[in-house]
């Protein structure tokens, strides 16, 4: 088998188009993912609020659990922001 890139001249290799930048589609996808994340967090928060109101004895364990999840999400956010800044 032959490799097609070996048979091309340097001038035809330079004329090959580069992939188009993502642009609007990537921004729209990112916005939809952010919206989905916010909605999921809202639904989970509403569920935890309902459980806390229905069963007041669970307020303390739920508070500790939510604080732990908040800490993990914050750490992940900081790491993601660091990688986003360092890629530029």
PDB file of N, CA and C in Angstrom:
ATOM      1  N   UNK A   1       0.835  -1.180   0.000  1.00  0.00           N
ATOM      2  CA  UNK A   1       0.000   0.000   0.000  1.00  0.00           C
ATOM      3  C   UNK A   1       0.880   1.243   0.000  1.00  0.00           C
ATOM      4  N   UNK A   2       0.413   2.244  -0.654  1.00  0.00           N
ATOM      5  CA  UNK A   2       1.166   3.492  -0.709  1.00  0.00           C
ATOM      6  C   UNK A   2       0.465   4.536   0.134  1.00  0.00           C
ATOM      7  N   UNK A   3       1.230   5.427   0.635  1.00  0.00           N
ATOM      8  CA  UNK A   3       0.698   6.523   1.427  1.00  0.00           C
ATOM      9  C   UNK A   3       0.446   7.702   0.498  1.00  0.00           C
ATOM     10  N   UNK A   4      -0.763   8.234   0.502  1.00  0.00           N
ATOM     11  CA  UNK A   4      -1.105   9.329  -0.405  1.00  0.00           C
ATOM     12  C   UNK A   4      -0.334  10.606  -0.106  1.00  0.00           C
ATOM     13  N   UNK A   5       0.067  10.804   1.141  1.00  0.00           N
ATOM     14  CA  UNK A   5       0.793  12.024   1.462  1.00  0.00           C
ATOM     15  C   UNK A   5       2.193  12.021   0.845  1.00  0.00           C
ATOM     16  N   UNK A   6       2.733  10.825   0.543  1.00  0.00           N
ATOM     17  CA  UNK A   6       4.051  10.759  -0.077  1.00  0.00           C
ATOM     18  C   UNK A   6       4.002  11.152  -1.551  1.00  0.00           C
ATOM     19  N   UNK A   7       2.873  10.931  -2.213  1.00  0.00           N
ATOM     20  CA  UNK A   7       2.772  11.210  -3.644  1.00  0.00           C
ATOM     21  C   UNK A   7       2.396  12.651  -3.935  1.00  0.00           C
ATOM     22  N   UNK A   8       2.040  13.417  -2.924  1.00  0.00           N
ATOM     23  CA  UNK A   8       1.652  14.806  -3.150  1.00  0.00           C
ATOM     24  C   UNK A   8       2.892  15.686  -3.168  1.00  0.00           C
ATOM     25  N   UNK A   9       2.844  16.674  -4.026  1.00  0.00           N
ATOM     26  CA  UNK A   9       3.945  17.636  -4.073  1.00  0.00           C
ATOM     27  C   UNK A   9       3.783  18.624  -2.930  1.00  0.00           C
ATOM     28  N   UNK A  10       4.825  19.326  -2.554  1.00  0.00           N
ATOM     29  CA  UNK A  10       4.709  20.304  -1.472  1.00  0.00           C
ATOM     30  C   UNK A  10       3.679  21.384  -1.765  1.00  0.00           C
ATOM     31  N   UNK A  11       3.493  21.758  -3.036  1.00  0.00           N
ATOM     32  CA  UNK A  11       2.522  22.812  -3.336  1.00  0.00           C
ATOM     33  C   UNK A  11       1.087  22.334  -3.107  1.00  0.00           C
ATOM     34  N   UNK A  12       0.799  21.066  -3.400  1.00  0.00           N
ATOM     35  CA  UNK A  12      -0.566  20.579  -3.159  1.00  0.00           C
ATOM     36  C   UNK A  12      -0.797  20.340  -1.679  1.00  0.00           C
ATOM     37  N   UNK A  13       0.249  20.036  -0.931  1.00  0.00           N
ATOM     38  CA  UNK A  13       0.087  19.876   0.503  1.00  0.00           C
ATOM     39  C   UNK A  13      -0.245  21.215   1.157  1.00  0.00           C
ATOM     40  N   UNK A  14       0.315  22.289   0.648  1.00  0.00           N
ATOM     41  CA  UNK A  14       0.033  23.603   1.214  1.00  0.00           C
ATOM     42  C   UNK A  14      -1.370  24.091   0.872  1.00  0.00           C
ATOM     43  N   UNK A  15      -1.948  23.604  -0.201  1.00  0.00           N
ATOM     44  CA  UNK A  15      -3.261  24.075  -0.620  1.00  0.00           C
ATOM     45  C   UNK A  15      -4.410  23.359   0.069  1.00  0.00           C
ATOM     46  N   UNK A  16      -4.128  22.339   0.879  1.00  0.00           N
ATOM     47  CA  UNK A  16      -5.201  21.638   1.567  1.00  0.00           C
ATOM     48  C   UNK A  16      -5.803  22.559   2.624  1.00  0.00           C
ATOM     49  N   UNK A  17      -7.127  22.625   2.672  1.00  0.00           N
ATOM     50  CA  UNK A  17      -7.752  23.537   3.633  1.00  0.00           C
ATOM     51  C   UNK A  17      -7.613  23.031   5.061  1.00  0.00           C
ATOM     52  N   UNK A  18      -7.482  23.972   5.951  1.00  0.00           N
ATOM     53  CA  UNK A  18      -7.458  23.638   7.370  1.00  0.00           C
ATOM     54  C   UNK A  18      -8.890  23.544   7.868  1.00  0.00           C
ATOM     55  N   UNK A  19      -9.134  22.801   8.939  1.00  0.00           N
ATOM     56  CA  UNK A  19     -10.491  22.746   9.470  1.00  0.00           C
ATOM     57  C   UNK A  19     -10.926  24.134   9.936  1.00  0.00           C
ATOM     58  N   UNK A  20     -12.178  24.426   9.708  1.00  0.00           N
ATOM     59  CA  UNK A  20     -12.702  25.737  10.100  1.00  0.00           C
ATOM     60  C   UNK A  20     -12.748  25.833  11.619  1.00  0.00           C
ATOM     61  N   UNK A  21     -12.518  27.024  12.159  1.00  0.00           N
ATOM     62  CA  UNK A  21     -12.625  27.186  13.604  1.00  0.00           C
ATOM     63  C   UNK A  21     -14.062  26.926  14.056  1.00  0.00           C
ATOM     64  N   UNK A  22     -14.205  26.479  15.285  1.00  0.00           N
ATOM     65  CA  UNK A  22     -15.507  26.050  15.795  1.00  0.00           C
ATOM     66  C   UNK A  22     -16.524  27.192  15.790  1.00  0.00           C
ATOM     67  N   UNK A  23     -16.156  28.341  16.297  1.00  0.00           N
ATOM     68  CA  UNK A  23     -17.012  29.517  16.245  1.00  0.00           C
ATOM     69  C   UNK A  23     -18.318  29.392  17.002  1.00  0.00           C
ATOM     70  N   UNK A  24     -19.407  29.737  16.318  1.00  0.00           N
ATOM     71  CA  UNK A  24     -20.721  29.835  16.956  1.00  0.00           C
ATOM     72  C   UNK A  24     -21.224  28.500  17.489  1.00  0.00           C
ATOM     73  N   UNK A  25     -20.957  27.421  16.797  1.00  0.00           N
ATOM     74  CA  UNK A  25     -21.456  26.119  17.242  1.00  0.00           C
ATOM     75  C   UNK A  25     -20.850  25.736  18.589  1.00  0.00           C
ATOM     76  N   UNK A  26     -19.572  25.990  18.765  1.00  0.00           N
ATOM     77  CA  UNK A  26     -18.916  25.662  20.033  1.00  0.00           C
ATOM     78  C   UNK A  26     -19.447  26.535  21.160  1.00  0.00           C
ATOM     79  N   UNK A  27     -19.683  27.799  20.873  1.00  0.00           N
ATOM     80  CA  UNK A  27     -20.218  28.708  21.893  1.00  0.00           C
ATOM     81  C   UNK A  27     -21.631  28.280  22.276  1.00  0.00           C
ATOM     82  N   UNK A  28     -22.440  27.923  21.285  1.00  0.00           N
ATOM     83  CA  UNK A  28     -23.811  27.478  21.567  1.00  0.00           C
ATOM     84  C   UNK A  28     -23.809  26.199  22.390  1.00  0.00           C
ATOM     85  N   UNK A  29     -22.919  25.268  22.056  1.00  0.00           N
ATOM     86  CA  UNK A  29     -22.827  24.028  22.816  1.00  0.00           C
ATOM     87  C   UNK A  29     -22.389  24.296  24.242  1.00  0.00           C
ATOM     88  N   UNK A  30     -21.420  25.174  24.418  1.00  0.00           N
ATOM     89  CA  UNK A  30     -20.955  25.515  25.758  1.00  0.00           C
ATOM     90  C   UNK A  30     -22.077  26.150  26.574  1.00  0.00           C
ATOM     91  N   UNK A  31     -22.835  27.043  25.970  1.00  0.00           N
ATOM     92  CA  UNK A  31     -23.945  27.673  26.683  1.00  0.00           C
ATOM     93  C   UNK A  31     -25.022  26.659  27.059  1.00  0.00           C
ATOM     94  N   UNK A  32     -25.299  25.717  26.171  1.00  0.00           N
ATOM     95  CA  UNK A  32     -26.281  24.676  26.490  1.00  0.00           C
ATOM     96  C   UNK A  32     -25.797  23.774  27.617  1.00  0.00           C
ATOM     97  N   UNK A  33     -24.510  23.455  27.623  1.00  0.00           N
ATOM     98  CA  UNK A  33     -23.972  22.639  28.702  1.00  0.00           C
ATOM     99  C   UNK A  33     -24.021  23.371  30.039  1.00  0.00           C
ATOM    100  N   UNK A  34     -23.752  24.666  30.025  1.00  0.00           N
ATOM    101  CA  UNK A  34     -23.841  25.461  31.256  1.00  0.00           C
ATOM    102  C   UNK A  34     -25.285  25.500  31.745  1.00  0.00           C
ATOM    103  N   UNK A  35     -26.230  25.714  30.837  1.00  0.00           N
ATOM    104  CA  UNK A  35     -27.641  25.722  31.211  1.00  0.00           C
ATOM    105  C   UNK A  35     -28.057  24.379  31.792  1.00  0.00           C
ATOM    106  N   UNK A  36     -27.631  23.295  31.175  1.00  0.00           N
ATOM    107  CA  UNK A  36     -27.949  21.955  31.675  1.00  0.00           C
ATOM    108  C   UNK A  36     -27.372  21.751  33.070  1.00  0.00           C
ATOM    109  N   UNK A  37     -26.140  22.188  33.279  1.00  0.00           N
ATOM    110  CA  UNK A  37     -25.512  22.064  34.594  1.00  0.00           C
ATOM    111  C   UNK A  37     -26.280  22.842  35.649  1.00  0.00           C
ATOM    112  N   UNK A  38     -26.689  24.062  35.317  1.00  0.00           N
ATOM    113  CA  UNK A  38     -27.449  24.882  36.266  1.00  0.00           C
ATOM    114  C   UNK A  38     -28.790  24.225  36.588  1.00  0.00           C
ATOM    115  N   UNK A  39     -29.460  23.696  35.591  1.00  0.00           N
ATOM    116  CA  UNK A  39     -30.740  23.037  35.834  1.00  0.00           C
ATOM    117  C   UNK A  39     -30.585  21.785  36.700  1.00  0.00           C
ATOM    118  N   UNK A  40     -29.558  21.005  36.456  1.00  0.00           N
ATOM    119  CA  UNK A  40     -29.327  19.812  37.273  1.00  0.00           C
ATOM    120  C   UNK A  40     -29.026  20.201  38.715  1.00  0.00           C
ATOM    121  N   UNK A  41     -28.204  21.211  38.911  1.00  0.00           N
ATOM    122  CA  UNK A  41     -27.899  21.675  40.266  1.00  0.00           C
ATOM    123  C   UNK A  41     -29.171  22.191  40.944  1.00  0.00           C
ATOM    124  N   UNK A  42     -30.023  22.889  40.203  1.00  0.00           N
ATOM    125  CA  UNK A  42     -31.276  23.397  40.756  1.00  0.00           C
ATOM    126  C   UNK A  42     -32.195  22.250  41.184  1.00  0.00           C
ATOM    127  N   UNK A  43     -32.311  21.227  40.352  1.00  0.00           N
ATOM    128  CA  UNK A  43     -33.180  20.088  40.684  1.00  0.00           C
ATOM    129  C   UNK A  43     -32.645  19.351  41.910  1.00  0.00           C
ATOM    130  N   UNK A  44     -31.356  19.134  41.975  1.00  0.00           N
ATOM    131  CA  UNK A  44     -30.770  18.460  43.135  1.00  0.00           C
ATOM    132  C   UNK A  44     -30.950  19.310  44.385  1.00  0.00           C
ATOM    133  N   UNK A  45     -30.731  20.609  44.257  1.00  0.00           N
ATOM    134  CA  UNK A  45     -30.926  21.506  45.405  1.00  0.00           C
ATOM    135  C   UNK A  45     -32.359  21.522  45.888  1.00  0.00           C
ATOM    136  N   UNK A  46     -33.308  21.522  44.949  1.00  0.00           N
ATOM    137  CA  UNK A  46     -34.717  21.494  45.336  1.00  0.00           C
ATOM    138  C   UNK A  46     -35.056  20.180  46.043  1.00  0.00           C
ATOM    139  N   UNK A  47     -34.502  19.089  45.568  1.00  0.00           N
ATOM    140  CA  UNK A  47     -34.729  17.803  46.234  1.00  0.00           C
ATOM    141  C   UNK A  47     -34.160  17.785  47.642  1.00  0.00           C
ATOM    142  N   UNK A  48     -32.954  18.313  47.805  1.00  0.00           N
ATOM    143  CA  UNK A  48     -32.362  18.375  49.146  1.00  0.00           C
ATOM    144  C   UNK A  48     -33.150  19.294  50.065  1.00  0.00           C
ATOM    145  N   UNK A  49     -33.652  20.384  49.529  1.00  0.00           N
ATOM    146  CA  UNK A  49     -34.474  21.290  50.331  1.00  0.00           C
ATOM    147  C   UNK A  49     -35.758  20.595  50.780  1.00  0.00           C
ATOM    148  N   UNK A  50     -36.384  19.860  49.878  1.00  0.00           N
ATOM    149  CA  UNK A  50     -37.605  19.123  50.229  1.00  0.00           C
ATOM    150  C   UNK A  50     -37.328  18.095  51.325  1.00  0.00           C
ATOM    151  N   UNK A  51     -36.236  17.344  51.185  1.00  0.00           N
ATOM    152  CA  UNK A  51     -35.903  16.336  52.202  1.00  0.00           C
ATOM    153  C   UNK A  51     -35.623  16.998  53.542  1.00  0.00           C
ATOM    154  N   UNK A  52     -34.955  18.134  53.525  1.00  0.00           N
ATOM    155  CA  UNK A  52     -34.648  18.838  54.772  1.00  0.00           C
ATOM    156  C   UNK A  52     -35.915  19.360  55.442  1.00  0.00           C
ATOM    157  N   UNK A  53     -36.860  19.860  54.645  1.00  0.00           N
ATOM    158  CA  UNK A  53     -38.113  20.364  55.223  1.00  0.00           C
ATOM    159  C   UNK A  53     -38.973  19.202  55.731  1.00  0.00           C
ATOM    160  N   UNK A  54     -39.031  18.116  54.973  1.00  0.00           N
ATOM    161  CA  UNK A  54     -39.861  16.973  55.363  1.00  0.00           C
ATOM    162  C   UNK A  54     -39.270  16.218  56.559  1.00  0.00           C
ATOM    163  N   UNK A  55     -37.968  16.176  56.656  1.00  0.00           N
ATOM    164  CA  UNK A  55     -37.294  15.444  57.744  1.00  0.00           C
ATOM    165  C   UNK A  55     -36.239  16.356  58.370  1.00  0.00           C
ATOM    166  N   UNK A  56     -36.636  17.192  59.325  1.00  0.00           N
ATOM    167  CA  UNK A  56     -35.693  18.172  59.906  1.00  0.00           C
ATOM    168  C   UNK A  56     -34.470  17.538  60.566  1.00  0.00           C
ATOM    169  N   UNK A  57     -34.573  16.277  60.977  1.00  0.00           N
ATOM    170  CA  UNK A  57     -33.416  15.648  61.625  1.00  0.00           C
ATOM    171  C   UNK A  57     -32.269  15.411  60.639  1.00  0.00           C
ATOM    172  N   UNK A  58     -32.546  15.462  59.334  1.00  0.00           N
ATOM    173  CA  UNK A  58     -31.502  15.267  58.324  1.00  0.00           C
ATOM    174  C   UNK A  58     -30.800  16.560  57.935  1.00  0.00           C
ATOM    175  N   UNK A  59     -31.176  17.675  58.554  1.00  0.00           N
ATOM    176  CA  UNK A  59     -30.605  18.965  58.161  1.00  0.00           C
ATOM    177  C   UNK A  59     -29.090  19.001  58.366  1.00  0.00           C
ATOM    178  N   UNK A  60     -28.611  18.514  59.489  1.00  0.00           N
ATOM    179  CA  UNK A  60     -27.174  18.560  59.773  1.00  0.00           C
ATOM    180  C   UNK A  60     -26.378  17.649  58.836  1.00  0.00           C
ATOM    181  N   UNK A  61     -26.769  16.386  58.648  1.00  0.00           N
ATOM    182  CA  UNK A  61     -25.993  15.563  57.699  1.00  0.00           C
ATOM    183  C   UNK A  61     -26.031  16.105  56.273  1.00  0.00           C
ATOM    184  N   UNK A  62     -27.177  16.634  55.861  1.00  0.00           N
ATOM    185  CA  UNK A  62     -27.265  17.195  54.510  1.00  0.00           C
ATOM    186  C   UNK A  62     -26.403  18.433  54.372  1.00  0.00           C
ATOM    187  N   UNK A  63     -26.310  19.234  55.411  1.00  0.00           N
ATOM    188  CA  UNK A  63     -25.467  20.430  55.372  1.00  0.00           C
ATOM    189  C   UNK A  63     -24.000  20.032  55.199  1.00  0.00           C
ATOM    190  N   UNK A  64     -23.583  19.017  55.925  1.00  0.00           N
ATOM    191  CA  UNK A  64     -22.197  18.552  55.801  1.00  0.00           C
ATOM    192  C   UNK A  64     -21.952  17.984  54.405  1.00  0.00           C
ATOM    193  N   UNK A  65     -22.905  17.218  53.879  1.00  0.00           N
ATOM    194  CA  UNK A  65     -22.748  16.643  52.544  1.00  0.00           C
ATOM    195  C   UNK A  65     -22.684  17.729  51.477  1.00  0.00           C
ATOM    196  N   UNK A  66     -23.553  18.719  51.569  1.00  0.00           N
ATOM    197  CA  UNK A  66     -23.559  19.812  50.592  1.00  0.00           C
ATOM    198  C   UNK A  66     -22.261  20.613  50.685  1.00  0.00           C
ATOM    199  N   UNK A  67     -21.765  20.817  51.893  1.00  0.00           N
ATOM    200  CA  UNK A  67     -20.491  21.529  52.051  1.00  0.00           C
ATOM    201  C   UNK A  67     -19.347  20.744  51.409  1.00  0.00           C
ATOM    202  N   UNK A  68     -19.352  19.429  51.566  1.00  0.00           N
ATOM    203  CA  UNK A  68     -18.315  18.604  50.943  1.00  0.00           C
ATOM    204  C   UNK A  68     -18.385  18.644  49.430  1.00  0.00           C
ATOM    205  N   UNK A  69     -19.591  18.553  48.883  1.00  0.00           N
ATOM    206  CA  UNK A  69     -19.753  18.617  47.427  1.00  0.00           C
ATOM    207  C   UNK A  69     -19.344  19.996  46.911  1.00  0.00           C
ATOM    208  N   UNK A  70     -19.694  21.044  47.641  1.00  0.00           N
ATOM    209  CA  UNK A  70     -19.314  22.395  47.246  1.00  0.00           C
ATOM    210  C   UNK A  70     -17.792  22.545  47.210  1.00  0.00           C
ATOM    211  N   UNK A  71     -17.133  21.957  48.191  1.00  0.00           N
ATOM    212  CA  UNK A  71     -15.669  22.017  48.215  1.00  0.00           C
ATOM    213  C   UNK A  71     -15.069  21.302  47.001  1.00  0.00           C
ATOM    214  N   UNK A  72     -15.586  20.123  46.669  1.00  0.00           N
ATOM    215  CA  UNK A  72     -15.077  19.377  45.520  1.00  0.00           C
ATOM    216  C   UNK A  72     -15.331  20.148  44.224  1.00  0.00           C
ATOM    217  N   UNK A  73     -16.533  20.697  44.064  1.00  0.00           N
ATOM    218  CA  UNK A  73     -16.857  21.454  42.847  1.00  0.00           C
ATOM    219  C   UNK A  73     -15.973  22.688  42.738  1.00  0.00           C
ATOM    220  N   UNK A  74     -15.704  23.339  43.838  1.00  0.00           N
ATOM    221  CA  UNK A  74     -14.833  24.517  43.825  1.00  0.00           C
ATOM    222  C   UNK A  74     -13.416  24.144  43.403  1.00  0.00           C
ATOM    223  N   UNK A  75     -12.898  23.065  43.936  1.00  0.00           N
ATOM    224  CA  UNK A  75     -11.551  22.629  43.570  1.00  0.00           C
ATOM    225  C   UNK A  75     -11.486  22.272  42.088  1.00  0.00           C
ATOM    226  N   UNK A  76     -12.483  21.552  41.585  1.00  0.00           N
ATOM    227  CA  UNK A  76     -12.518  21.196  40.164  1.00  0.00           C
ATOM    228  C   UNK A  76     -12.606  22.454  39.304  1.00  0.00           C
ATOM    229  N   UNK A  77     -13.402  23.437  39.733  1.00  0.00           N
ATOM    230  CA  UNK A  77     -13.510  24.695  38.990  1.00  0.00           C
ATOM    231  C   UNK A  77     -12.195  25.444  38.925  1.00  0.00           C
ATOM    232  N   UNK A  78     -11.472  25.466  40.023  1.00  0.00           N
ATOM    233  CA  UNK A  78     -10.173  26.147  40.050  1.00  0.00           C
ATOM    234  C   UNK A  78      -9.186  25.430  39.130  1.00  0.00           C
ATOM    235  N   UNK A  79      -9.185  24.107  39.167  1.00  0.00           N
ATOM    236  CA  UNK A  79      -8.280  23.346  38.292  1.00  0.00           C
ATOM    237  C   UNK A  79      -8.642  23.570  36.831  1.00  0.00           C
ATOM    238  N   UNK A  80      -9.942  23.564  36.508  1.00  0.00           N
ATOM    239  CA  UNK A  80     -10.374  23.796  35.125  1.00  0.00           C
ATOM    240  C   UNK A  80      -9.995  25.199  34.663  1.00  0.00           C
ATOM    241  N   UNK A  81     -10.150  26.192  35.534  1.00  0.00           N
ATOM    242  CA  UNK A  81      -9.769  27.561  35.184  1.00  0.00           C
ATOM    243  C   UNK A  81      -8.261  27.665  34.969  1.00  0.00           C
ATOM    244  N   UNK A  82      -7.478  26.973  35.791  1.00  0.00           N
ATOM    245  CA  UNK A  82      -6.024  26.989  35.617  1.00  0.00           C
ATOM    246  C   UNK A  82      -5.630  26.400  34.262  1.00  0.00           C
ATOM    247  N   UNK A  83      -6.245  25.250  33.892  1.00  0.00           N
ATOM    248  CA  UNK A  83      -5.923  24.638  32.614  1.00  0.00           C
ATOM    249  C   UNK A  83      -6.383  25.509  31.456  1.00  0.00           C
ATOM    250  N   UNK A  84      -7.528  26.181  31.597  1.00  0.00           N
ATOM    251  CA  UNK A  84      -8.020  27.035  30.532  1.00  0.00           C
ATOM    252  C   UNK A  84      -7.084  28.218  30.307  1.00  0.00           C
ATOM    253  N   UNK A  85      -6.567  28.760  31.378  1.00  0.00           N
ATOM    254  CA  UNK A  85      -5.650  29.910  31.252  1.00  0.00           C
ATOM    255  C   UNK A  85      -4.299  29.452  30.716  1.00  0.00           C
ATOM    256  N   UNK A  86      -3.831  28.287  31.148  1.00  0.00           N
ATOM    257  CA  UNK A  86      -2.507  27.836  30.720  1.00  0.00           C
ATOM    258  C   UNK A  86      -2.472  27.368  29.273  1.00  0.00           C
ATOM    259  N   UNK A  87      -3.611  27.049  28.670  1.00  0.00           N
ATOM    260  CA  UNK A  87      -3.655  26.594  27.272  1.00  0.00           C
ATOM    261  C   UNK A  87      -3.455  27.737  26.295  1.00  0.00           C
ATOM    262  N   UNK A  88      -3.632  28.963  26.701  1.00  0.00           N
ATOM    263  CA  UNK A  88      -3.526  30.101  25.792  1.00  0.00           C
ATOM    264  C   UNK A  88      -2.129  30.413  25.455  1.00  0.00           C
TER     265      UNK A  88
END
